[in-house]
Amino acid sequence: MKKAVEGPGEARDDYAIFSELSERLGTRRAYTENRDTMQWLRYLYEDSRERADRYGIELPGFEEFWQHGYFEVPRPEKSQVMFAEFRADPKQHRLPTPSGRLEIFSERIAAFGYDDCPGHPVWLEPVEWLGDANRRYPLHLISSQPSTKLHSQYDHGVVSQTNKIQGREPIALNPEDAAERGLAAGDIVRVFNERGQCLAGVRIDEGLKRGVAVMSTGAWYDPLVPGEIGTLEKHGNPNVLTLDKGTSKLTQGASAHTCLVEVERFGGPLPPITAYDPPQFAAKAR
């Protein structure tokens, strides 16, 4: 992608920043491989051309592509069916597993001896869940993908902003859960657990099961006191609430849906949203 505008002040792109950091660490040559930005673009593009050629797709040369700005990949002549070749001839088209077949049990994974990831599918009790009689918080928070933006991209856009409640990300509650807490649609609430706290706007959803709350990800992080652990997040970012722990010793996937919270009405004056304010730039000391 071509540069849209020149960076303000002394702002630099990620590659320039990390190249400078590697210089300070004494690893610049290993990190950059003596390539500047355009050389890396050419190198990666040529690698893509080779990969595309294996699938019968002919990409133009880099200069032509760069001048045109994009390349539209042609539609495949027939739809791809997962494992079609394997199903037709399992011996000729082995899968990339030790046995070459679909594996319900993995000797390799079992040999690791991980207590949280045995060699076969099994239900393991989550770190926190509504089935725990000793749970500290009564609501299971699902941090869904937003329908008004792509993750956090365009959170400042009109579609995302129109969906917010008094500038905060909505949190959907079952009507009985809301009534139990004296809450109504449009109220601003504090969502909290032992890991953090954030503000959100109440939205009532009769389709939600009791004990479940839903708040989409993507609101730009906006702490009341930057740098202070546990400070109130003003905007509705569920990352301050979710567990920062991998799903197992093997996978290290996200475990964001393993999250219990409580919700209460926010009674103080609403702090302004500052997530969209540009940072202050300072001249580099010479």
C-alpha atoms as a PDB file:
ATOM      1  CA  MET A   1       0.000   0.000   0.000  1.00  0.00           C
ATOM      2  CA  LYS A   2       1.362   3.401  -0.950  1.00  0.00           C
ATOM      3  CA  LYS A   3       1.920   6.128   1.621  1.00  0.00           C
ATOM      4  CA  ALA A   4      -1.166   8.332   1.891  1.00  0.00           C
ATOM      5  CA  VAL A   5       0.463  11.355   3.557  1.00  0.00           C
ATOM      6  CA  GLU A   6       3.804  12.288   5.035  1.00  0.00           C
ATOM      7  CA  GLY A   7       4.075  11.577   8.754  1.00  0.00           C
ATOM      8  CA  PRO A   8       3.565  14.601  11.024  1.00  0.00           C
ATOM      9  CA  GLY A   9       6.581  15.888  12.897  1.00  0.00           C
ATOM     10  CA  GLU A  10       9.087  13.101  13.469  1.00  0.00           C
ATOM     11  CA  ALA A  11       6.523  10.287  13.211  1.00  0.00           C
ATOM     12  CA  ARG A  12       7.892   7.214  11.437  1.00  0.00           C
ATOM     13  CA  ASP A  13       6.446   3.981  10.118  1.00  0.00           C
ATOM     14  CA  ASP A  14       6.756   0.709  12.025  1.00  0.00           C
ATOM     15  CA  TYR A  15       9.672  -0.565   9.952  1.00  0.00           C
ATOM     16  CA  ALA A  16      11.704   2.583  10.589  1.00  0.00           C
ATOM     17  CA  ILE A  17      10.953   2.411  14.317  1.00  0.00           C
ATOM     18  CA  PHE A  18      11.924  -1.234  14.701  1.00  0.00           C
ATOM     19  CA  SER A  19      14.985  -0.776  12.512  1.00  0.00           C
ATOM     20  CA  GLU A  20      16.178   1.951  14.866  1.00  0.00           C
ATOM     21  CA  LEU A  21      15.485  -0.264  17.888  1.00  0.00           C
ATOM     22  CA  SER A  22      17.457  -3.096  16.288  1.00  0.00           C
ATOM     23  CA  GLU A  23      20.333  -0.644  15.764  1.00  0.00           C
ATOM     24  CA  ARG A  24      20.401   0.060  19.502  1.00  0.00           C
ATOM     25  CA  LEU A  25      20.334  -3.675  20.218  1.00  0.00           C
ATOM     26  CA  GLY A  26      23.150  -4.328  17.782  1.00  0.00           C
ATOM     27  CA  THR A  27      20.982  -6.498  15.505  1.00  0.00           C
ATOM     28  CA  ARG A  28      20.128  -4.090  12.685  1.00  0.00           C
ATOM     29  CA  ARG A  29      21.791  -6.138   9.950  1.00  0.00           C
ATOM     30  CA  ALA A  30      20.023  -9.337  11.012  1.00  0.00           C
ATOM     31  CA  TYR A  31      16.685  -7.534  11.311  1.00  0.00           C
ATOM     32  CA  THR A  32      16.739  -5.490   8.100  1.00  0.00           C
ATOM     33  CA  GLU A  33      18.843  -7.898   6.000  1.00  0.00           C
ATOM     34  CA  ASN A  34      20.203  -4.671   4.475  1.00  0.00           C
ATOM     35  CA  ARG A  35      16.862  -3.943   2.779  1.00  0.00           C
ATOM     36  CA  ASP A  36      14.984  -0.659   2.893  1.00  0.00           C
ATOM     37  CA  THR A  37      11.185  -0.448   2.701  1.00  0.00           C
ATOM     38  CA  MET A  38      10.905  -0.615  -1.090  1.00  0.00           C
ATOM     39  CA  GLN A  39      13.402  -3.460  -1.301  1.00  0.00           C
ATOM     40  CA  TRP A  40      11.323  -5.437   1.176  1.00  0.00           C
ATOM     41  CA  LEU A  41       8.165  -4.730  -0.829  1.00  0.00           C
ATOM     42  CA  ARG A  42       9.826  -6.007  -3.991  1.00  0.00           C
ATOM     43  CA  TYR A  43      11.212  -9.063  -2.212  1.00  0.00           C
ATOM     44  CA  LEU A  44       7.879 -10.025  -0.660  1.00  0.00           C
ATOM     45  CA  TYR A  45       5.999  -9.369  -3.888  1.00  0.00           C
ATOM     46  CA  GLU A  46       8.312 -11.597  -5.902  1.00  0.00           C
ATOM     47  CA  ASP A  47       7.832 -14.335  -3.318  1.00  0.00           C
ATOM     48  CA  SER A  48       4.072 -13.922  -3.751  1.00  0.00           C
ATOM     49  CA  ARG A  49       4.463 -14.181  -7.534  1.00  0.00           C
ATOM     50  CA  GLU A  50       6.201 -17.537  -7.144  1.00  0.00           C
ATOM     51  CA  ARG A  51       3.494 -18.822  -4.805  1.00  0.00           C
ATOM     52  CA  ALA A  52       0.716 -17.615  -7.105  1.00  0.00           C
ATOM     53  CA  ASP A  53       2.358 -19.308 -10.081  1.00  0.00           C
ATOM     54  CA  ARG A  54       1.985 -22.675  -8.343  1.00  0.00           C
ATOM     55  CA  TYR A  55      -1.778 -22.171  -8.472  1.00  0.00           C
ATOM     56  CA  GLY A  56      -1.803 -21.024 -12.081  1.00  0.00           C
ATOM     57  CA  ILE A  57      -2.177 -17.334 -11.242  1.00  0.00           C
ATOM     58  CA  GLU A  58       0.125 -14.999 -13.165  1.00  0.00           C
ATOM     59  CA  LEU A  59       0.868 -11.808 -11.259  1.00  0.00           C
ATOM     60  CA  PRO A  60       2.291  -8.805 -13.150  1.00  0.00           C
ATOM     61  CA  GLY A  61       5.811  -7.550 -12.497  1.00  0.00           C
ATOM     62  CA  PHE A  62       6.336  -5.358  -9.464  1.00  0.00           C
ATOM     63  CA  GLU A  63       6.669  -2.082 -11.405  1.00  0.00           C
ATOM     64  CA  GLU A  64       3.388  -2.666 -13.239  1.00  0.00           C
ATOM     65  CA  PHE A  65       1.646  -3.708 -10.033  1.00  0.00           C
ATOM     66  CA  TRP A  66       2.977  -0.711  -8.097  1.00  0.00           C
ATOM     67  CA  GLN A  67       1.916   1.727 -10.793  1.00  0.00           C
ATOM     68  CA  HIS A  68      -1.559   0.200 -11.125  1.00  0.00           C
ATOM     69  CA  GLY A  69      -2.005  -0.051  -7.356  1.00  0.00           C
ATOM     70  CA  TYR A  70      -3.759  -3.409  -7.122  1.00  0.00           C
ATOM     71  CA  PHE A  71      -4.253  -6.798  -8.762  1.00  0.00           C
ATOM     72  CA  GLU A  72      -7.592  -8.584  -8.888  1.00  0.00           C
ATOM     73  CA  VAL A  73      -7.200 -12.328  -8.407  1.00  0.00           C
ATOM     74  CA  PRO A  74      -9.405 -14.195 -10.907  1.00  0.00           C
ATOM     75  CA  ARG A  75     -12.235 -16.289  -9.539  1.00  0.00           C
ATOM     76  CA  PRO A  76     -11.460 -20.031  -9.433  1.00  0.00           C
ATOM     77  CA  GLU A  77     -13.110 -22.120 -12.127  1.00  0.00           C
ATOM     78  CA  LYS A  78     -14.525 -24.483  -9.520  1.00  0.00           C
ATOM     79  CA  SER A  79     -15.246 -24.137  -5.830  1.00  0.00           C
ATOM     80  CA  GLN A  80     -12.716 -25.554  -3.398  1.00  0.00           C
ATOM     81  CA  VAL A  81     -13.915 -28.478  -1.312  1.00  0.00           C
ATOM     82  CA  MET A  82     -11.923 -29.078   1.856  1.00  0.00           C
ATOM     83  CA  PHE A  83     -10.037 -32.404   1.829  1.00  0.00           C
ATOM     84  CA  ALA A  84     -11.534 -33.343  -1.568  1.00  0.00           C
ATOM     85  CA  GLU A  85      -8.318 -35.001  -2.777  1.00  0.00           C
ATOM     86  CA  PHE A  86      -7.861 -36.807   0.531  1.00  0.00           C
ATOM     87  CA  ARG A  87     -11.414 -38.130   0.390  1.00  0.00           C
ATOM     88  CA  ALA A  88     -10.917 -39.331  -3.176  1.00  0.00           C
ATOM     89  CA  ASP A  89      -7.598 -41.080  -2.463  1.00  0.00           C
ATOM     90  CA  PRO A  90      -6.390 -41.037   1.185  1.00  0.00           C
ATOM     91  CA  LYS A  91      -3.210 -42.965   0.384  1.00  0.00           C
ATOM     92  CA  GLN A  92      -2.101 -40.740  -2.467  1.00  0.00           C
ATOM     93  CA  HIS A  93      -3.045 -37.469  -0.744  1.00  0.00           C
ATOM     94  CA  ARG A  94      -1.969 -37.915   2.859  1.00  0.00           C
ATOM     95  CA  LEU A  95      -2.723 -35.183   5.386  1.00  0.00           C
ATOM     96  CA  PRO A  96       0.183 -33.434   7.183  1.00  0.00           C
ATOM     97  CA  THR A  97      -0.304 -35.505  10.352  1.00  0.00           C
ATOM     98  CA  PRO A  98       1.944 -38.312  11.675  1.00  0.00           C
ATOM     99  CA  SER A  99      -0.541 -40.911  10.417  1.00  0.00           C
ATOM    100  CA  GLY A 100      -1.490 -39.037   7.268  1.00  0.00           C
ATOM    101  CA  ARG A 101      -5.127 -39.281   8.333  1.00  0.00           C
ATOM    102  CA  LEU A 102      -7.611 -37.321  10.421  1.00  0.00           C
ATOM    103  CA  GLU A 103      -6.568 -37.908  14.024  1.00  0.00           C
ATOM    104  CA  ILE A 104      -9.043 -37.959  16.904  1.00  0.00           C
ATOM    105  CA  PHE A 105      -6.228 -39.025  19.212  1.00  0.00           C
ATOM    106  CA  SER A 106      -2.694 -37.665  18.840  1.00  0.00           C
ATOM    107  CA  GLU A 107       0.160 -39.685  20.289  1.00  0.00           C
ATOM    108  CA  ARG A 108       2.482 -36.719  19.819  1.00  0.00           C
ATOM    109  CA  ILE A 109       0.307 -34.331  21.845  1.00  0.00           C
ATOM    110  CA  ALA A 110      -0.387 -36.980  24.491  1.00  0.00           C
ATOM    111  CA  ALA A 111       3.367 -37.504  24.875  1.00  0.00           C
ATOM    112  CA  PHE A 112       3.790 -33.891  25.977  1.00  0.00           C
ATOM    113  CA  GLY A 113       2.031 -34.775  29.227  1.00  0.00           C
ATOM    114  CA  TYR A 114       0.178 -31.461  29.461  1.00  0.00           C
ATOM    115  CA  ASP A 115      -2.507 -31.502  32.142  1.00  0.00           C
ATOM    116  CA  ASP A 116      -4.539 -28.883  30.259  1.00  0.00           C
ATOM    117  CA  CYS A 117      -4.274 -30.450  26.784  1.00  0.00           C
ATOM    118  CA  PRO A 118      -4.484 -34.259  26.572  1.00  0.00           C
ATOM    119  CA  GLY A 119      -4.130 -36.158  23.316  1.00  0.00           C
ATOM    120  CA  HIS A 120      -7.874 -36.319  22.613  1.00  0.00           C
ATOM    121  CA  PRO A 121     -10.880 -33.943  22.793  1.00  0.00           C
ATOM    122  CA  VAL A 122     -12.118 -33.572  26.361  1.00  0.00           C
ATOM    123  CA  TRP A 123     -14.098 -31.065  28.415  1.00  0.00           C
ATOM    124  CA  LEU A 124     -11.993 -29.323  31.050  1.00  0.00           C
ATOM    125  CA  GLU A 125     -13.443 -27.000  33.668  1.00  0.00           C
ATOM    126  CA  PRO A 126     -12.708 -23.352  32.776  1.00  0.00           C
ATOM    127  CA  VAL A 127     -10.781 -21.106  35.128  1.00  0.00           C
ATOM    128  CA  GLU A 128     -13.997 -19.192  35.792  1.00  0.00           C
ATOM    129  CA  TRP A 129     -17.549 -20.004  34.718  1.00  0.00           C
ATOM    130  CA  LEU A 130     -21.150 -19.839  35.902  1.00  0.00           C
ATOM    131  CA  GLY A 131     -21.040 -23.484  36.966  1.00  0.00           C
ATOM    132  CA  ASP A 132     -18.571 -22.685  39.750  1.00  0.00           C
ATOM    133  CA  ALA A 133     -20.482 -22.530  43.051  1.00  0.00           C
ATOM    134  CA  ASN A 134     -17.730 -20.320  44.514  1.00  0.00           C
ATOM    135  CA  ARG A 135     -17.640 -17.800  41.659  1.00  0.00           C
ATOM    136  CA  ARG A 136     -17.066 -14.164  42.659  1.00  0.00           C
ATOM    137  CA  TYR A 137     -19.055 -12.559  39.828  1.00  0.00           C
ATOM    138  CA  PRO A 138     -22.526 -13.479  38.519  1.00  0.00           C
ATOM    139  CA  LEU A 139     -22.439 -12.579  34.805  1.00  0.00           C
ATOM    140  CA  HIS A 140     -20.619 -14.399  32.009  1.00  0.00           C
ATOM    141  CA  LEU A 141     -19.239 -11.800  29.594  1.00  0.00           C
ATOM    142  CA  ILE A 142     -19.042 -12.669  25.902  1.00  0.00           C
ATOM    143  CA  SER A 143     -16.839 -10.176  24.039  1.00  0.00           C
ATOM    144  CA  SER A 144     -18.168 -10.648  20.520  1.00  0.00           C
ATOM    145  CA  GLN A 145     -16.848  -9.350  17.220  1.00  0.00           C
ATOM    146  CA  PRO A 146     -18.535  -6.026  16.368  1.00  0.00           C
ATOM    147  CA  SER A 147     -20.962  -5.599  13.480  1.00  0.00           C
ATOM    148  CA  THR A 148     -20.230  -1.863  13.178  1.00  0.00           C
ATOM    149  CA  LYS A 149     -16.474  -2.017  12.545  1.00  0.00           C
ATOM    150  CA  LEU A 150     -13.647  -4.426  11.730  1.00  0.00           C
ATOM    151  CA  HIS A 151     -12.197  -5.271  15.134  1.00  0.00           C
ATOM    152  CA  SER A 152     -11.175  -1.742  16.213  1.00  0.00           C
ATOM    153  CA  GLN A 153     -10.786  -0.265  12.734  1.00  0.00           C
ATOM    154  CA  TYR A 154     -13.125   2.656  12.029  1.00  0.00           C
ATOM    155  CA  ASP A 155     -14.262   2.821  15.642  1.00  0.00           C
ATOM    156  CA  HIS A 156     -14.270   6.583  15.120  1.00  0.00           C
ATOM    157  CA  GLY A 157     -16.457   6.253  12.002  1.00  0.00           C
ATOM    158  CA  VAL A 158     -20.105   7.216  11.751  1.00  0.00           C
ATOM    159  CA  VAL A 159     -21.434   3.625  11.717  1.00  0.00           C
ATOM    160  CA  SER A 160     -19.618   2.725  14.928  1.00  0.00           C
ATOM    161  CA  GLN A 161     -20.406   6.044  16.598  1.00  0.00           C
ATOM    162  CA  THR A 162     -24.119   5.767  15.820  1.00  0.00           C
ATOM    163  CA  ASN A 163     -24.214   2.438  17.646  1.00  0.00           C
ATOM    164  CA  LYS A 164     -22.675   3.787  20.862  1.00  0.00           C
ATOM    165  CA  ILE A 165     -24.656   4.875  23.921  1.00  0.00           C
ATOM    166  CA  GLN A 166     -23.570   8.267  25.247  1.00  0.00           C
ATOM    167  CA  GLY A 167     -20.273   7.620  23.518  1.00  0.00           C
ATOM    168  CA  ARG A 168     -19.731   4.215  25.175  1.00  0.00           C
ATOM    169  CA  GLU A 169     -19.732   0.698  23.739  1.00  0.00           C
ATOM    170  CA  PRO A 170     -23.083  -1.044  24.381  1.00  0.00           C
ATOM    171  CA  ILE A 171     -23.396  -4.009  26.723  1.00  0.00           C
ATOM    172  CA  ALA A 172     -26.398  -6.276  26.128  1.00  0.00           C
ATOM    173  CA  LEU A 173     -28.193  -7.649  29.189  1.00  0.00           C
ATOM    174  CA  ASN A 174     -31.097 -10.007  29.746  1.00  0.00           C
ATOM    175  CA  PRO A 175     -34.191  -8.013  30.881  1.00  0.00           C
ATOM    176  CA  GLU A 176     -34.336  -9.816  34.238  1.00  0.00           C
ATOM    177  CA  ASP A 177     -30.627  -9.264  34.909  1.00  0.00           C
ATOM    178  CA  ALA A 178     -31.077  -5.565  34.126  1.00  0.00           C
ATOM    179  CA  ALA A 179     -34.209  -5.221  36.291  1.00  0.00           C
ATOM    180  CA  GLU A 180     -32.495  -7.004  39.174  1.00  0.00           C
ATOM    181  CA  ARG A 181     -29.889  -4.228  39.142  1.00  0.00           C
ATOM    182  CA  GLY A 182     -32.350  -1.388  38.562  1.00  0.00           C
ATOM    183  CA  LEU A 183     -31.038  -0.765  35.056  1.00  0.00           C
ATOM    184  CA  ALA A 184     -32.832   0.405  31.921  1.00  0.00           C
ATOM    185  CA  ALA A 185     -31.828   0.759  28.283  1.00  0.00           C
ATOM    186  CA  GLY A 186     -29.495   3.720  27.804  1.00  0.00           C
ATOM    187  CA  ASP A 187     -28.063   3.698  31.333  1.00  0.00           C
ATOM    188  CA  ILE A 188     -24.299   3.958  31.718  1.00  0.00           C
ATOM    189  CA  VAL A 189     -22.863   1.173  33.845  1.00  0.00           C
ATOM    190  CA  ARG A 190     -19.549   0.150  35.323  1.00  0.00           C
ATOM    191  CA  VAL A 191     -18.559  -3.356  34.247  1.00  0.00           C
ATOM    192  CA  PHE A 192     -15.932  -4.817  36.551  1.00  0.00           C
ATOM    193  CA  ASN A 193     -14.077  -7.779  38.020  1.00  0.00           C
ATOM    194  CA  GLU A 194     -10.774  -8.217  39.851  1.00  0.00           C
ATOM    195  CA  ARG A 195      -8.810  -7.539  36.642  1.00  0.00           C
ATOM    196  CA  GLY A 196     -10.275  -4.203  35.634  1.00  0.00           C
ATOM    197  CA  GLN A 197     -13.264  -1.971  35.037  1.00  0.00           C
ATOM    198  CA  CYS A 198     -14.847  -0.084  32.164  1.00  0.00           C
ATOM    199  CA  LEU A 199     -17.936   1.939  31.296  1.00  0.00           C
ATOM    200  CA  ALA A 200     -20.620   0.756  28.880  1.00  0.00           C
ATOM    201  CA  GLY A 201     -24.148   1.654  27.792  1.00  0.00           C
ATOM    202  CA  VAL A 202     -27.021  -0.725  28.583  1.00  0.00           C
ATOM    203  CA  ARG A 203     -28.933  -2.390  25.774  1.00  0.00           C
ATOM    204  CA  ILE A 204     -31.732  -4.831  26.676  1.00  0.00           C
ATOM    205  CA  ASP A 205     -31.831  -8.105  24.727  1.00  0.00           C
ATOM    206  CA  GLU A 206     -34.653 -10.552  25.416  1.00  0.00           C
ATOM    207  CA  GLY A 207     -32.825 -13.198  23.401  1.00  0.00           C
ATOM    208  CA  LEU A 208     -29.973 -13.390  25.903  1.00  0.00           C
ATOM    209  CA  LYS A 209     -29.870 -16.142  28.484  1.00  0.00           C
ATOM    210  CA  ARG A 210     -29.982 -14.990  32.093  1.00  0.00           C
ATOM    211  CA  GLY A 211     -26.521 -14.557  33.539  1.00  0.00           C
ATOM    212  CA  VAL A 212     -24.940 -13.686  30.177  1.00  0.00           C
ATOM    213  CA  ALA A 213     -23.785 -10.241  29.026  1.00  0.00           C
ATOM    214  CA  VAL A 214     -22.446  -9.355  25.580  1.00  0.00           C
ATOM    215  CA  MET A 215     -20.109  -6.463  24.784  1.00  0.00           C
ATOM    216  CA  SER A 216     -18.315  -6.261  21.451  1.00  0.00           C
ATOM    217  CA  THR A 217     -14.592  -5.718  21.159  1.00  0.00           C
ATOM    218  CA  GLY A 218     -13.033  -2.786  19.343  1.00  0.00           C
ATOM    219  CA  ALA A 219     -13.689   0.345  21.403  1.00  0.00           C
ATOM    220  CA  TRP A 220     -10.416   2.257  21.456  1.00  0.00           C
ATOM    221  CA  TYR A 221      -8.742   1.941  24.847  1.00  0.00           C
ATOM    222  CA  ASP A 222      -9.352   5.102  26.870  1.00  0.00           C
ATOM    223  CA  PRO A 223      -8.045   4.992  30.473  1.00  0.00           C
ATOM    224  CA  LEU A 224      -9.129   7.612  32.976  1.00  0.00           C
ATOM    225  CA  VAL A 225      -5.592   7.740  34.404  1.00  0.00           C
ATOM    226  CA  PRO A 226      -3.092   6.576  31.760  1.00  0.00           C
ATOM    227  CA  GLY A 227      -0.439   4.253  33.135  1.00  0.00           C
ATOM    228  CA  GLU A 228      -2.343   3.436  36.321  1.00  0.00           C
ATOM    229  CA  ILE A 229      -3.127  -0.269  36.740  1.00  0.00           C
ATOM    230  CA  GLY A 230      -6.823  -0.855  37.392  1.00  0.00           C
ATOM    231  CA  THR A 231      -7.914   2.633  36.370  1.00  0.00           C
ATOM    232  CA  LEU A 232     -11.396   3.064  34.934  1.00  0.00           C
ATOM    233  CA  GLU A 233     -11.507   2.500  31.176  1.00  0.00           C
ATOM    234  CA  LYS A 234     -14.001   5.121  29.969  1.00  0.00           C
ATOM    235  CA  HIS A 235     -14.969   3.818  26.558  1.00  0.00           C
ATOM    236  CA  GLY A 236     -16.062   0.184  26.884  1.00  0.00           C
ATOM    237  CA  ASN A 237     -13.023  -1.906  25.983  1.00  0.00           C
ATOM    238  CA  PRO A 238     -13.533  -5.470  27.316  1.00  0.00           C
ATOM    239  CA  ASN A 239      -9.803  -6.225  27.144  1.00  0.00           C
ATOM    240  CA  VAL A 240      -9.444  -4.737  30.628  1.00  0.00           C
ATOM    241  CA  LEU A 241     -11.808  -7.445  31.929  1.00  0.00           C
ATOM    242  CA  THR A 242     -10.791 -10.598  30.077  1.00  0.00           C
ATOM    243  CA  LEU A 243      -8.245 -13.141  31.238  1.00  0.00           C
ATOM    244  CA  ASP A 244      -4.777 -12.643  29.761  1.00  0.00           C
ATOM    245  CA  LYS A 245      -3.954 -16.335  29.628  1.00  0.00           C
ATOM    246  CA  GLY A 246      -3.550 -18.845  26.806  1.00  0.00           C
ATOM    247  CA  THR A 247      -6.062 -21.641  26.335  1.00  0.00           C
ATOM    248  CA  SER A 248      -3.449 -24.313  27.071  1.00  0.00           C
ATOM    249  CA  LYS A 249       0.281 -25.000  27.285  1.00  0.00           C
ATOM    250  CA  LEU A 250       0.104 -26.244  23.694  1.00  0.00           C
ATOM    251  CA  THR A 251      -1.933 -23.671  21.803  1.00  0.00           C
ATOM    252  CA  GLN A 252      -1.737 -20.350  23.669  1.00  0.00           C
ATOM    253  CA  GLY A 253      -4.941 -19.264  21.920  1.00  0.00           C
ATOM    254  CA  ALA A 254      -7.090 -16.465  23.302  1.00  0.00           C
ATOM    255  CA  SER A 255      -9.365 -17.314  26.230  1.00  0.00           C
ATOM    256  CA  ALA A 256     -11.350 -14.078  26.213  1.00  0.00           C
ATOM    257  CA  HIS A 257     -14.733 -15.777  26.591  1.00  0.00           C
ATOM    258  CA  THR A 258     -13.714 -17.254  29.942  1.00  0.00           C
ATOM    259  CA  CYS A 259     -14.722 -14.118  31.815  1.00  0.00           C
ATOM    260  CA  LEU A 260     -17.074 -13.348  34.713  1.00  0.00           C
ATOM    261  CA  VAL A 261     -18.095  -9.790  35.605  1.00  0.00           C
ATOM    262  CA  GLU A 262     -20.580  -7.711  37.572  1.00  0.00           C
ATOM    263  CA  VAL A 263     -22.477  -4.665  36.315  1.00  0.00           C
ATOM    264  CA  GLU A 264     -23.679  -1.669  38.316  1.00  0.00           C
ATOM    265  CA  ARG A 265     -25.051   1.780  37.524  1.00  0.00           C
ATOM    266  CA  PHE A 266     -22.367   4.439  37.119  1.00  0.00           C
ATOM    267  CA  GLY A 267     -23.354   7.343  39.330  1.00  0.00           C
ATOM    268  CA  GLY A 268     -20.617   9.908  38.839  1.00  0.00           C
ATOM    269  CA  PRO A 269     -20.206  12.545  36.125  1.00  0.00           C
ATOM    270  CA  LEU A 270     -19.341  10.939  32.793  1.00  0.00           C
ATOM    271  CA  PRO A 271     -15.679  11.490  31.900  1.00  0.00           C
ATOM    272  CA  PRO A 272     -15.100  12.700  28.336  1.00  0.00           C
ATOM    273  CA  ILE A 273     -13.930  10.293  25.648  1.00  0.00           C
ATOM    274  CA  THR A 274     -10.332  11.124  24.727  1.00  0.00           C
ATOM    275  CA  ALA A 275      -9.403   7.996  22.750  1.00  0.00           C
ATOM    276  CA  TYR A 276      -9.629   9.861  19.444  1.00  0.00           C
ATOM    277  CA  ASP A 277      -7.527  12.849  20.495  1.00  0.00           C
ATOM    278  CA  PRO A 278      -4.178  12.927  18.657  1.00  0.00           C
ATOM    279  CA  PRO A 279      -1.064  12.541  20.811  1.00  0.00           C
ATOM    280  CA  GLN A 280       1.153  15.475  21.651  1.00  0.00           C
ATOM    281  CA  PHE A 281       4.299  15.544  19.524  1.00  0.00           C
ATOM    282  CA  ALA A 282       7.532  16.806  21.016  1.00  0.00           C
ATOM    283  CA  ALA A 283      10.699  17.709  19.178  1.00  0.00           C
ATOM    284  CA  LYS A 284      13.494  15.183  19.575  1.00  0.00           C
ATOM    285  CA  ALA A 285      16.291  16.386  21.824  1.00  0.00           C
ATOM    286  CA  ARG A 286      19.438  17.019  19.812  1.00  0.00           C
END
